[in-house]
C-alpha atoms as a PDB file:
ATOM      1  CA  UNK A   1      -0.352   0.127  -0.420  1.00  0.00           C
ATOM      2  CA  UNK A   2       1.379   3.216  -1.158  1.00  0.00           C
ATOM      3  CA  UNK A   3       2.225   5.724   1.759  1.00  0.00           C
ATOM      4  CA  UNK A   4      -0.427   8.022   1.457  1.00  0.00           C
ATOM      5  CA  UNK A   5      -2.929   5.557   2.274  1.00  0.00           C
ATOM      6  CA  UNK A   6      -4.236   3.647   5.170  1.00  0.00           C
ATOM      7  CA  UNK A   7      -6.986   1.398   6.532  1.00  0.00           C
ATOM      8  CA  UNK A   8      -8.121   0.960  10.106  1.00  0.00           C
ATOM      9  CA  UNK A   9     -10.683  -2.211  10.912  1.00  0.00           C
ATOM     10  CA  UNK A  10     -12.830  -2.346  13.897  1.00  0.00           C
ATOM     11  CA  UNK A  11     -15.697  -4.073  15.484  1.00  0.00           C
ATOM     12  CA  UNK A  12     -17.498  -2.228  18.096  1.00  0.00           C
ATOM     13  CA  UNK A  13     -18.888  -3.129  20.981  1.00  0.00           C
ATOM     14  CA  UNK A  14     -22.463  -2.229  22.964  1.00  0.00           C
ATOM     15  CA  UNK A  15     -20.412   0.142  25.138  1.00  0.00           C
ATOM     16  CA  UNK A  16     -20.103   2.191  22.049  1.00  0.00           C
ATOM     17  CA  UNK A  17     -24.030   2.669  21.641  1.00  0.00           C
ATOM     18  CA  UNK A  18     -26.149   5.373  22.295  1.00  0.00           C
ATOM     19  CA  UNK A  19     -29.667   4.420  23.653  1.00  0.00           C
ATOM     20  CA  UNK A  20     -30.867   3.752  20.137  1.00  0.00           C
ATOM     21  CA  UNK A  21     -28.781   0.656  20.367  1.00  0.00           C
ATOM     22  CA  UNK A  22     -27.004   2.566  17.293  1.00  0.00           C
ATOM     23  CA  UNK A  23     -22.994   3.326  17.297  1.00  0.00           C
ATOM     24  CA  UNK A  24     -22.047   7.191  18.929  1.00  0.00           C
ATOM     25  CA  UNK A  25     -20.904   9.153  16.040  1.00  0.00           C
ATOM     26  CA  UNK A  26     -18.159  10.733  18.283  1.00  0.00           C
ATOM     27  CA  UNK A  27     -16.933   6.767  18.150  1.00  0.00           C
ATOM     28  CA  UNK A  28     -16.787   7.100  14.705  1.00  0.00           C
ATOM     29  CA  UNK A  29     -15.455  10.614  14.686  1.00  0.00           C
ATOM     30  CA  UNK A  30     -12.797   9.207  16.714  1.00  0.00           C
ATOM     31  CA  UNK A  31     -11.801   6.158  14.502  1.00  0.00           C
ATOM     32  CA  UNK A  32     -11.358   8.670  11.483  1.00  0.00           C
ATOM     33  CA  UNK A  33      -9.288  10.862  13.727  1.00  0.00           C
ATOM     34  CA  UNK A  34      -6.954   7.532  14.561  1.00  0.00           C
ATOM     35  CA  UNK A  35      -7.350   6.859  10.755  1.00  0.00           C
ATOM     36  CA  UNK A  36      -5.950  10.062   9.496  1.00  0.00           C
ATOM     37  CA  UNK A  37      -3.434   9.999  12.339  1.00  0.00           C
ATOM     38  CA  UNK A  38      -1.920   7.067  11.031  1.00  0.00           C
ATOM     39  CA  UNK A  39      -1.847   7.343   7.422  1.00  0.00           C
ATOM     40  CA  UNK A  40      -0.444  11.218   8.200  1.00  0.00           C
ATOM     41  CA  UNK A  41       2.398   9.709  10.632  1.00  0.00           C
ATOM     42  CA  UNK A  42       3.336   6.910   8.126  1.00  0.00           C
ATOM     43  CA  UNK A  43       3.861   9.409   5.520  1.00  0.00           C
ATOM     44  CA  UNK A  44       5.583  11.989   7.375  1.00  0.00           C
ATOM     45  CA  UNK A  45       7.372   9.752   9.748  1.00  0.00           C
ATOM     46  CA  UNK A  46       6.954  11.986  12.555  1.00  0.00           C
ATOM     47  CA  UNK A  47       4.360  12.757  14.961  1.00  0.00           C
ATOM     48  CA  UNK A  48       0.857  14.598  14.135  1.00  0.00           C
ATOM     49  CA  UNK A  49      -1.796  16.451  15.428  1.00  0.00           C
ATOM     50  CA  UNK A  50      -5.003  17.107  14.808  1.00  0.00           C
ATOM     51  CA  UNK A  51      -5.464  20.503  13.125  1.00  0.00           C
ATOM     52  CA  UNK A  52      -8.946  20.583  11.839  1.00  0.00           C
ATOM     53  CA  UNK A  53     -11.804  18.309  11.154  1.00  0.00           C
ATOM     54  CA  UNK A  54     -13.007  20.538   7.950  1.00  0.00           C
ATOM     55  CA  UNK A  55     -16.253  18.028   7.177  1.00  0.00           C
ATOM     56  CA  UNK A  56     -17.981  15.087   8.802  1.00  0.00           C
ATOM     57  CA  UNK A  57     -20.792  13.442   7.372  1.00  0.00           C
ATOM     58  CA  UNK A  58     -22.808  10.298   8.516  1.00  0.00           C
ATOM     59  CA  UNK A  59     -24.771   8.960   6.122  1.00  0.00           C
ATOM     60  CA  UNK A  60     -26.274   5.509   8.368  1.00  0.00           C
ATOM     61  CA  UNK A  61     -26.702   4.095  11.418  1.00  0.00           C
ATOM     62  CA  UNK A  62     -23.699   1.219  12.516  1.00  0.00           C
ATOM     63  CA  UNK A  63     -24.757  -1.322  14.401  1.00  0.00           C
ATOM     64  CA  UNK A  64     -22.935  -3.211  17.308  1.00  0.00           C
ATOM     65  CA  UNK A  65     -21.082  -6.368  15.754  1.00  0.00           C
ATOM     66  CA  UNK A  66     -20.746  -4.726  12.037  1.00  0.00           C
ATOM     67  CA  UNK A  67     -17.166  -4.429  11.008  1.00  0.00           C
ATOM     68  CA  UNK A  68     -15.871  -0.522  10.571  1.00  0.00           C
ATOM     69  CA  UNK A  69     -13.533   0.304   7.522  1.00  0.00           C
ATOM     70  CA  UNK A  70     -12.078   3.589   8.019  1.00  0.00           C
ATOM     71  CA  UNK A  71      -9.841   4.091   4.909  1.00  0.00           C
ATOM     72  CA  UNK A  72      -7.957   7.987   4.545  1.00  0.00           C
ATOM     73  CA  UNK A  73      -6.109   9.064   1.426  1.00  0.00           C
ATOM     74  CA  UNK A  74      -3.893  12.258   1.693  1.00  0.00           C
ATOM     75  CA  UNK A  75      -5.143  14.217  -0.595  1.00  0.00           C
ATOM     76  CA  UNK A  76      -2.884  17.573  -0.276  1.00  0.00           C
ATOM     77  CA  UNK A  77       0.546  18.030   1.512  1.00  0.00           C
ATOM     78  CA  UNK A  78       1.364  21.695   2.676  1.00  0.00           C
ATOM     79  CA  UNK A  79       4.777  22.873   3.926  1.00  0.00           C
ATOM     80  CA  UNK A  80       4.085  20.701   7.571  1.00  0.00           C
ATOM     81  CA  UNK A  81       0.203  20.286   7.066  1.00  0.00           C
ATOM     82  CA  UNK A  82      -1.743  17.167   5.183  1.00  0.00           C
ATOM     83  CA  UNK A  83      -5.090  16.918   4.002  1.00  0.00           C
ATOM     84  CA  UNK A  84      -6.851  13.392   4.463  1.00  0.00           C
ATOM     85  CA  UNK A  85     -10.223  12.225   2.632  1.00  0.00           C
ATOM     86  CA  UNK A  86     -11.936   9.802   4.842  1.00  0.00           C
ATOM     87  CA  UNK A  87     -14.273   7.270   4.117  1.00  0.00           C
ATOM     88  CA  UNK A  88     -15.976   4.720   6.537  1.00  0.00           C
ATOM     89  CA  UNK A  89     -18.062   1.524   5.401  1.00  0.00           C
ATOM     90  CA  UNK A  90     -19.737  -0.833   7.410  1.00  0.00           C
ATOM     91  CA  UNK A  91     -19.963  -4.847   6.963  1.00  0.00           C
ATOM     92  CA  UNK A  92     -22.421  -6.528   8.179  1.00  0.00           C
ATOM     93  CA  UNK A  93     -20.605  -9.809   8.841  1.00  0.00           C
ATOM     94  CA  UNK A  94     -23.666 -12.210   8.492  1.00  0.00           C
ATOM     95  CA  UNK A  95     -25.143 -11.582   5.470  1.00  0.00           C
ATOM     96  CA  UNK A  96     -22.202 -10.013   3.540  1.00  0.00           C
ATOM     97  CA  UNK A  97     -23.484  -6.867   2.937  1.00  0.00           C
ATOM     98  CA  UNK A  98     -21.153  -3.380   2.846  1.00  0.00           C
ATOM     99  CA  UNK A  99     -22.537   0.087   2.575  1.00  0.00           C
ATOM    100  CA  UNK A 100     -20.997   3.672   3.129  1.00  0.00           C
ATOM    101  CA  UNK A 101     -21.638   4.982   6.480  1.00  0.00           C
ATOM    102  CA  UNK A 102     -19.479   8.246   6.839  1.00  0.00           C
ATOM    103  CA  UNK A 103     -17.219  10.625   5.548  1.00  0.00           C
ATOM    104  CA  UNK A 104     -14.681  13.402   6.565  1.00  0.00           C
ATOM    105  CA  UNK A 105     -11.914  15.880   5.462  1.00  0.00           C
ATOM    106  CA  UNK A 106      -9.307  16.495   8.062  1.00  0.00           C
ATOM    107  CA  UNK A 107      -6.200  18.222   8.432  1.00  0.00           C
ATOM    108  CA  UNK A 108      -3.491  16.909  10.332  1.00  0.00           C
ATOM    109  CA  UNK A 109      -0.188  18.820  10.998  1.00  0.00           C
ATOM    110  CA  UNK A 110       3.516  17.287  11.565  1.00  0.00           C
ATOM    111  CA  UNK A 111       5.178  18.702  14.709  1.00  0.00           C
ATOM    112  CA  UNK A 112       8.534  17.910  16.115  1.00  0.00           C
ATOM    113  CA  UNK A 113       9.564  17.160  19.916  1.00  0.00           C
ATOM    114  CA  UNK A 114       8.595  20.492  21.035  1.00  0.00           C
ATOM    115  CA  UNK A 115       5.403  20.774  19.235  1.00  0.00           C
ATOM    116  CA  UNK A 116       6.589  23.118  16.481  1.00  0.00           C
ATOM    117  CA  UNK A 117       5.232  22.505  12.885  1.00  0.00           C
ATOM    118  CA  UNK A 118       7.666  20.590  11.136  1.00  0.00           C
ATOM    119  CA  UNK A 119       8.280  19.929   7.329  1.00  0.00           C
ATOM    120  CA  UNK A 120       6.540  16.953   5.598  1.00  0.00           C
ATOM    121  CA  UNK A 121       7.960  15.568   2.379  1.00  0.00           C
ATOM    122  CA  UNK A 122       6.567  16.779  -0.539  1.00  0.00           C
ATOM    123  CA  UNK A 123       3.807  15.405  -2.645  1.00  0.00           C
ATOM    124  CA  UNK A 124       2.192  16.556  -6.362  1.00  0.00           C
ATOM    125  CA  UNK A 125      -0.538  15.218  -7.639  1.00  0.00           C
ATOM    126  CA  UNK A 126      -0.285  13.141 -10.871  1.00  0.00           C
ATOM    127  CA  UNK A 127      -3.833  11.592 -11.874  1.00  0.00           C
ATOM    128  CA  UNK A 128      -6.782  13.680 -12.718  1.00  0.00           C
ATOM    129  CA  UNK A 129      -8.962  12.890  -9.757  1.00  0.00           C
ATOM    130  CA  UNK A 130      -5.424  13.739  -7.739  1.00  0.00           C
ATOM    131  CA  UNK A 131      -5.071  16.934  -9.431  1.00  0.00           C
ATOM    132  CA  UNK A 132      -8.594  17.740  -8.915  1.00  0.00           C
ATOM    133  CA  UNK A 133      -8.952  17.028  -5.377  1.00  0.00           C
ATOM    134  CA  UNK A 134      -5.473  19.445  -4.677  1.00  0.00           C
ATOM    135  CA  UNK A 135      -7.256  22.109  -6.390  1.00  0.00           C
ATOM    136  CA  UNK A 136     -10.183  21.829  -4.384  1.00  0.00           C
ATOM    137  CA  UNK A 137      -7.832  22.207  -1.280  1.00  0.00           C
ATOM    138  CA  UNK A 138      -6.109  24.933  -2.171  1.00  0.00           C
ATOM    139  CA  UNK A 139      -9.484  27.170  -3.434  1.00  0.00           C
ATOM    140  CA  UNK A 140     -10.869  25.997   0.184  1.00  0.00           C
ATOM    141  CA  UNK A 141      -7.765  27.313   1.727  1.00  0.00           C
ATOM    142  CA  UNK A 142      -7.982  30.648  -0.117  1.00  0.00           C
ATOM    143  CA  UNK A 143     -11.467  30.993   0.990  1.00  0.00           C
ATOM    144  CA  UNK A 144     -12.865  30.847  -2.522  1.00  0.00           C
END
């Protein structure tokens, strides 16, 4: 797997549920944050912190016993920051069905041992899809 992508797989327990029996949104947000951290940690090869969760969208409830797949891709790299696109999919292992459960966009920042920002390896998009996502981040950063 290239170092701009990561996937975490988790199953959740009754302690992770709300009074309706669905997984708390905050638990899913935590898994997404962890996945973003892992991909950026592996990419930068240094400590990273969450700077911002720009967007988190939930599409369907997640039930106890389903398998949660959280996938992260770095879509933009700055001097010390990395923009991460996240997708969460769930699988009902009993019948094999899967569905999209959530998505998000996070900014992670590399820091040194004194918690100051630290440069990360540069990356430039190549494919049309990568270029389009890079441009979307640039546009958002410019406030357009």
